[in-house]
Amino acid sequence: MVDAANLLNKENIISKEKNLKVNLSGIVLDNPIIPASGTFGYGYEFSELYDINCLGTFSFKGTTLEARFGNPTPRIAECSQGLINAVGLQNPGVHTVISEELPKIRKVFKKPVMANVSGFSVEDYVKTVELLNKESDIGWFEINISCPNVHGGGMAFGTCPKSAALITSSVRKATNKPLYIKLSPNVTDIVEIAKACEDSGADGLSLINTLLGMRIDLRTGKPVIANTMGGFSGPAIFPVALRMVYQVHKAVNIPIIGMGGVSKAEDVIEMMMAGATAVEVGAANLIDPYVCRDIVNDLPKVMDKYNINNLEEIIGGR
């Protein structure tokens, strides 16, 4: 006769033996789960719901040199398999982030955090990174050259290898911390841009940012979003993101943070098999604020199901 209690204990032991740790440019994460910038605020908002120290790390809200109000409303449109946003990098500016937001983060998060930085000129990026570089709790920089929701900067820097390389090499001189460049899928050849970033000093790459999309209000015949178009995210873009992570992984020798439509533990495993060292979760946080915590808890069980003992061993395939 099967002893149910002993069987349950055996399953728990198996799960506890799983190694979820990954090394992201010299910093070891307890697990590969990273809430994506723009979907997790500055972390402390979510700390009211659960202990966010269960996460590998998180990428805080995109920060620019000066404060930004963002785009006019409405700036969110729902879709059947995702959503479109045109928030427009709303943030209080780097000086306020340093003086007000980082102290709040330190009270609730005891691990290195990822600083997501955007700008509208090379000088913007460099100055913002120089200021944040002094903060000891920032472990990595994630440089956003791929935002489709702003004019005069953002995605414009990430749509050709030359400009992507210029931002990378310029910011590289401003910090000795790991430098990840966040790439746009709205290009003809993401591999060429990824290689240009690697050649210019990037320590890693984050991909993908949102696709460009829009919705039309059938009653008015006008775009739903005031900005007309915005970034399309959610489960519908997962196959596109997976394909791009796979292609870039085959072409570069630096780690990749994969993202795009990730919403469950199985997606994380698949993204890592495609070549990601860590995985960001974006739009799913806006639907279920507990999703990252639940993915962390579910990973050992999914690893059991597919006979995986060490996550680092599946990066780029088994």
Protein backbone atom coordinates (compact mmCIF):
# COMPACT_ATOMS: atom_id res chain seq x y z
CA MET A 1 0.00 0.00 0.00
CA VAL A 2 1.37 3.44 -0.95
CA ASP A 3 2.05 5.74 1.98
CA ALA A 4 0.68 9.09 0.76
CA ALA A 5 2.52 11.05 3.42
CA ASN A 6 5.90 9.53 2.53
CA LEU A 7 5.23 10.09 -1.17
CA LEU A 8 4.45 13.76 -0.52
CA ASN A 9 7.62 14.15 1.55
CA LYS A 10 9.66 12.56 -1.25
CA GLU A 11 8.21 15.01 -3.78
CA ASN A 12 9.05 17.93 -1.50
CA ILE A 13 12.63 16.68 -1.10
CA ILE A 14 13.03 16.42 -4.88
CA SER A 15 11.82 19.99 -5.34
CA LYS A 16 14.15 21.32 -2.66
CA GLU A 17 17.12 19.77 -4.44
CA LYS A 18 16.50 21.77 -7.60
CA ASN A 19 19.07 24.48 -8.33
CA LEU A 20 17.34 27.65 -9.51
CA LYS A 21 20.40 29.89 -9.24
CA VAL A 22 21.80 31.67 -12.29
CA ASN A 23 24.87 33.86 -12.74
CA LEU A 24 24.09 37.17 -14.40
CA SER A 25 27.40 38.82 -15.29
CA GLY A 26 29.09 37.85 -12.04
CA ILE A 27 26.11 38.38 -9.74
CA VAL A 28 24.34 35.20 -8.64
CA LEU A 29 20.55 35.33 -8.58
CA ASP A 30 18.55 32.97 -6.36
CA ASN A 31 16.36 32.34 -9.40
CA PRO A 32 16.04 33.79 -12.93
CA ILE A 33 12.77 35.68 -12.36
CA ILE A 34 12.94 39.45 -12.90
CA PRO A 35 9.86 41.70 -13.07
CA ALA A 36 10.30 43.93 -16.11
CA SER A 37 10.74 47.67 -15.99
CA GLY A 38 7.53 49.64 -16.24
CA THR A 39 5.39 46.84 -14.81
CA PHE A 40 6.73 46.68 -11.24
CA GLY A 41 7.15 50.34 -10.28
CA TYR A 42 9.99 50.68 -7.80
CA GLY A 43 9.22 47.38 -6.12
CA TYR A 44 8.00 48.68 -2.79
CA GLU A 45 4.44 48.90 -4.14
CA PHE A 46 4.45 45.12 -4.64
CA SER A 47 6.15 44.53 -1.28
CA GLU A 48 2.82 45.33 0.33
CA LEU A 49 1.45 42.16 -1.29
CA TYR A 50 4.33 39.70 -0.77
CA ASP A 51 8.01 39.50 0.17
CA ILE A 52 9.69 40.58 -3.07
CA ASN A 53 13.02 39.17 -1.85
CA CYS A 54 11.81 35.86 -3.31
CA LEU A 55 12.65 37.30 -6.75
CA GLY A 56 15.99 37.06 -8.51
CA THR A 57 15.97 40.84 -8.82
CA PHE A 58 13.76 43.42 -10.53
CA SER A 59 14.22 46.14 -13.13
CA PHE A 60 12.84 49.37 -11.74
CA LYS A 61 10.74 51.89 -13.62
CA GLY A 62 12.47 53.41 -16.65
CA THR A 63 14.44 56.45 -15.51
CA THR A 64 15.38 59.52 -17.52
CA LEU A 65 17.59 62.49 -16.68
CA GLU A 66 14.66 64.85 -16.19
CA ALA A 67 11.17 64.14 -14.86
CA ARG A 68 8.59 63.10 -17.46
CA PHE A 69 4.82 63.31 -17.26
CA GLY A 70 4.51 60.83 -20.12
CA ASN A 71 2.07 60.73 -22.99
CA PRO A 72 -1.49 62.10 -22.92
CA THR A 73 -4.35 59.79 -21.97
CA PRO A 74 -5.85 57.43 -22.91
CA ARG A 75 -2.63 55.47 -23.12
CA ILE A 76 -3.71 51.86 -22.49
CA ALA A 77 -5.73 49.66 -24.85
CA GLU A 78 -6.72 46.09 -24.09
CA CYS A 79 -6.37 43.27 -26.62
CA SER A 80 -7.58 39.68 -26.55
CA GLN A 81 -4.06 38.31 -25.99
CA GLY A 82 -2.31 41.28 -24.42
CA LEU A 83 -2.41 45.03 -24.18
CA ILE A 84 -1.05 48.13 -25.84
CA ASN A 85 0.54 50.88 -23.77
CA ALA A 86 1.86 54.31 -24.62
CA VAL A 87 2.74 55.53 -21.13
CA GLY A 88 5.75 57.37 -22.49
CA LEU A 89 8.38 56.79 -19.80
CA GLN A 90 6.55 58.65 -17.04
CA ASN A 91 9.01 58.95 -14.14
CA PRO A 92 10.19 61.51 -11.55
CA GLY A 93 13.69 61.92 -13.03
CA VAL A 94 17.00 60.49 -11.87
CA HIS A 95 17.62 62.95 -9.03
CA THR A 96 14.31 62.08 -7.37
CA VAL A 97 14.86 58.39 -7.98
CA ILE A 98 18.16 58.65 -6.09
CA SER A 99 16.86 60.80 -3.25
CA GLU A 100 13.42 59.26 -2.74
CA GLU A 101 12.82 56.00 -4.61
CA LEU A 102 16.05 54.11 -3.89
CA PRO A 103 15.78 54.66 -0.09
CA LYS A 104 12.28 53.17 -0.22
CA ILE A 105 13.55 50.19 -2.23
CA ARG A 106 16.31 49.53 0.33
CA LYS A 107 13.73 49.12 3.07
CA VAL A 108 12.00 46.21 1.32
CA PHE A 109 14.58 44.65 -1.03
CA LYS A 110 17.94 43.34 0.17
CA LYS A 111 19.47 42.29 -3.15
CA PRO A 112 21.12 44.19 -6.02
CA VAL A 113 18.53 45.86 -8.24
CA MET A 114 18.56 46.56 -11.98
CA ALA A 115 18.42 50.20 -13.09
CA ASN A 116 16.53 50.74 -16.33
CA VAL A 117 17.69 53.93 -18.06
CA SER A 118 16.34 55.75 -21.10
CA GLY A 119 17.18 59.04 -22.79
CA PHE A 120 16.74 61.37 -25.72
CA SER A 121 20.41 61.96 -26.50
CA VAL A 122 23.72 60.25 -25.88
CA GLU A 123 24.45 62.83 -23.19
CA ASP A 124 21.15 62.00 -21.43
CA TYR A 125 22.05 58.34 -21.16
CA VAL A 126 25.58 58.99 -20.00
CA LYS A 127 24.68 61.56 -17.34
CA THR A 128 21.85 59.44 -15.93
CA VAL A 129 24.12 56.39 -15.67
CA GLU A 130 26.92 58.45 -14.09
CA LEU A 131 24.55 59.59 -11.36
CA LEU A 132 23.08 56.15 -10.69
CA ASN A 133 26.49 54.46 -10.85
CA LYS A 134 27.32 55.86 -7.42
CA GLU A 135 24.49 53.85 -5.81
CA SER A 136 25.90 50.64 -4.32
CA ASP A 137 22.64 48.69 -4.46
CA ILE A 138 22.41 48.97 -8.25
CA GLY A 139 23.87 45.75 -9.63
CA TRP A 140 23.25 46.15 -13.37
CA PHE A 141 22.23 48.79 -15.86
CA GLU A 142 19.55 47.98 -18.41
CA ILE A 143 19.79 50.60 -21.16
CA ASN A 144 16.52 51.04 -23.00
CA ILE A 145 17.16 51.94 -26.63
CA SER A 146 13.90 50.37 -27.73
CA CYS A 147 10.87 52.18 -26.30
CA PRO A 148 8.26 52.63 -29.07
CA ASN A 149 6.19 55.15 -27.10
CA VAL A 150 8.32 58.30 -27.14
CA HIS A 151 9.37 60.76 -29.79
CA GLY A 152 12.95 61.87 -30.32
CA GLY A 153 14.92 59.08 -28.68
CA GLY A 154 13.99 55.72 -27.22
CA MET A 155 13.50 53.27 -30.08
CA ALA A 156 15.27 55.56 -32.54
CA PHE A 157 18.62 54.57 -31.01
CA GLY A 158 17.85 50.87 -31.25
CA THR A 159 16.79 50.61 -34.87
CA CYS A 160 20.23 50.60 -36.48
CA PRO A 161 23.55 49.04 -35.47
CA LYS A 162 25.52 52.29 -35.65
CA SER A 163 23.36 54.24 -33.20
CA ALA A 164 23.00 51.24 -30.88
CA ALA A 165 26.78 50.90 -30.83
CA LEU A 166 27.20 54.60 -30.10
CA ILE A 167 24.93 54.48 -27.05
CA THR A 168 26.60 51.28 -25.83
CA SER A 169 30.17 52.54 -26.13
CA SER A 170 29.31 55.92 -24.61
CA VAL A 171 27.53 54.47 -21.59
CA ARG A 172 30.24 51.83 -21.21
CA LYS A 173 32.66 54.62 -20.28
CA ALA A 174 30.31 55.86 -17.54
CA THR A 175 30.13 52.66 -15.48
CA ASN A 176 32.07 49.55 -14.60
CA LYS A 177 28.88 47.72 -13.62
CA PRO A 178 27.33 45.10 -15.92
CA LEU A 179 25.71 46.83 -18.89
CA TYR A 180 22.68 45.28 -20.60
CA ILE A 181 21.18 46.84 -23.72
CA LYS A 182 17.43 46.41 -24.20
CA LEU A 183 16.63 45.78 -27.85
CA SER A 184 13.60 46.47 -30.02
CA PRO A 185 11.82 43.78 -32.06
CA ASN A 186 10.64 46.48 -34.47
CA VAL A 187 13.66 46.07 -36.73
CA THR A 188 14.62 44.10 -39.81
CA ASP A 189 17.59 42.26 -38.25
CA ILE A 190 17.84 42.18 -34.45
CA VAL A 191 20.93 39.94 -34.65
CA GLU A 192 22.96 42.61 -36.42
CA ILE A 193 22.07 45.16 -33.73
CA ALA A 194 22.81 42.68 -30.95
CA LYS A 195 26.28 41.99 -32.37
CA ALA A 196 26.96 45.73 -32.67
CA CYS A 197 26.14 46.16 -28.96
CA GLU A 198 28.38 43.23 -28.01
CA ASP A 199 31.25 44.63 -30.06
CA SER A 200 30.81 48.03 -28.38
CA GLY A 201 31.14 46.77 -24.82
CA ALA A 202 27.76 45.44 -23.71
CA ASP A 203 27.96 42.78 -20.99
CA GLY A 204 24.55 41.41 -21.95
CA LEU A 205 21.32 42.00 -23.82
CA SER A 206 17.67 42.29 -22.83
CA LEU A 207 15.11 41.29 -25.44
CA ILE A 208 12.55 41.89 -26.54
CA ASN A 209 10.82 45.18 -25.83
CA THR A 210 7.24 45.60 -27.03
CA LEU A 211 6.05 45.31 -30.60
CA LEU A 212 4.40 48.33 -32.18
CA GLY A 213 0.60 48.08 -32.30
CA MET A 214 -2.65 50.02 -32.28
CA ARG A 215 -6.42 49.72 -31.80
CA ILE A 216 -9.29 51.67 -33.38
CA ASP A 217 -12.52 52.58 -31.61
CA LEU A 218 -15.29 51.34 -33.93
CA ARG A 219 -17.73 53.96 -32.63
CA THR A 220 -15.50 56.93 -33.47
CA GLY A 221 -13.25 55.48 -36.13
CA LYS A 222 -10.27 56.95 -34.28
CA PRO A 223 -7.32 55.30 -32.53
CA VAL A 224 -8.06 54.23 -28.96
CA ILE A 225 -4.72 55.56 -27.72
CA ALA A 226 -4.06 59.31 -27.83
CA ASN A 227 -0.54 58.55 -29.10
CA THR A 228 -2.16 56.52 -31.95
CA MET A 229 0.28 53.63 -31.55
CA GLY A 230 1.95 51.99 -28.58
CA GLY A 231 3.85 48.97 -27.34
CA PHE A 232 2.03 45.66 -27.74
CA SER A 233 2.82 43.12 -25.02
CA GLY A 234 1.33 39.99 -23.50
CA PRO A 235 1.06 36.27 -24.35
CA ALA A 236 0.57 36.91 -28.08
CA ILE A 237 4.16 38.07 -28.52
CA PHE A 238 5.82 35.12 -26.75
CA PRO A 239 6.65 33.13 -29.93
CA VAL A 240 8.21 36.22 -31.51
CA ALA A 241 10.28 36.91 -28.39
CA LEU A 242 11.37 33.28 -28.16
CA ARG A 243 12.49 33.27 -31.80
CA MET A 244 14.54 36.44 -31.36
CA VAL A 245 16.20 35.21 -28.15
CA TYR A 246 17.11 32.00 -29.97
CA GLN A 247 18.57 33.85 -32.96
CA VAL A 248 20.58 36.28 -30.86
CA HIS A 249 21.88 33.56 -28.55
CA LYS A 250 23.30 31.74 -31.56
CA ALA A 251 25.11 34.89 -32.70
CA VAL A 252 26.61 36.43 -29.53
CA ASN A 253 28.77 35.34 -26.61
CA ILE A 254 27.17 37.46 -23.88
CA PRO A 255 24.19 36.56 -21.67
CA ILE A 256 20.62 37.38 -22.59
CA ILE A 257 17.70 38.37 -20.41
CA GLY A 258 14.67 37.07 -22.30
CA MET A 259 11.21 38.61 -22.09
CA GLY A 260 8.02 39.03 -24.04
CA GLY A 261 4.72 37.36 -23.16
CA VAL A 262 6.09 35.32 -20.24
CA SER A 263 3.32 34.43 -17.80
CA LYS A 264 4.10 31.03 -16.29
CA ALA A 265 6.95 28.76 -15.19
CA GLU A 266 6.81 26.73 -18.40
CA ASP A 267 7.46 29.92 -20.38
CA VAL A 268 10.56 30.56 -18.28
CA ILE A 269 11.95 27.09 -19.02
CA GLU A 270 11.24 27.52 -22.73
CA MET A 271 12.85 30.95 -22.82
CA MET A 272 15.97 29.61 -21.10
CA MET A 273 16.18 26.72 -23.54
CA ALA A 274 16.12 29.30 -26.31
CA GLY A 275 19.19 30.95 -24.77
CA ALA A 276 18.11 33.25 -21.93
CA THR A 277 20.12 33.26 -18.70
CA ALA A 278 17.37 35.14 -16.85
CA VAL A 279 13.77 35.96 -17.71
CA GLU A 280 11.75 39.13 -17.23
CA VAL A 281 8.01 39.11 -16.66
CA GLY A 282 6.21 42.21 -17.89
CA ALA A 283 2.54 42.62 -18.81
CA ALA A 284 1.51 39.66 -16.65
CA ASN A 285 2.28 41.77 -13.55
CA LEU A 286 -0.43 44.20 -14.61
CA ILE A 287 -3.00 41.40 -14.74
CA ASP A 288 -1.93 39.40 -11.69
CA PRO A 289 0.35 41.17 -9.17
CA TYR A 290 1.34 37.82 -7.65
CA VAL A 291 2.46 36.25 -10.92
CA CYS A 292 6.24 36.55 -10.34
CA ARG A 293 5.98 35.08 -6.87
CA ASP A 294 3.87 32.21 -8.21
CA ILE A 295 6.31 31.52 -11.07
CA VAL A 296 9.18 31.28 -8.55
CA ASN A 297 7.15 28.82 -6.48
CA ASP A 298 6.12 26.78 -9.53
CA LEU A 299 9.58 26.46 -11.08
CA PRO A 300 10.76 23.48 -8.99
CA LYS A 301 7.61 21.52 -9.84
CA VAL A 302 7.98 22.23 -13.56
CA MET A 303 11.66 21.28 -13.34
CA ASP A 304 10.62 17.98 -11.75
CA LYS A 305 8.18 17.36 -14.59
CA TYR A 306 10.88 17.76 -17.24
CA ASN A 307 13.71 16.13 -15.26
CA ILE A 308 15.68 19.36 -14.86
CA ASN A 309 17.92 19.65 -11.83
CA ASN A 310 19.93 22.78 -12.59
CA LEU A 311 18.52 25.72 -14.56
CA GLU A 312 21.93 26.88 -15.77
CA GLU A 313 22.36 23.58 -17.57
CA ILE A 314 19.41 24.21 -19.89
CA ILE A 315 20.48 27.65 -21.15
CA GLY A 316 20.53 27.37 -24.93
CA GLY A 317 19.07 23.87 -24.97
CA ARG A 318 19.62 20.53 -23.22
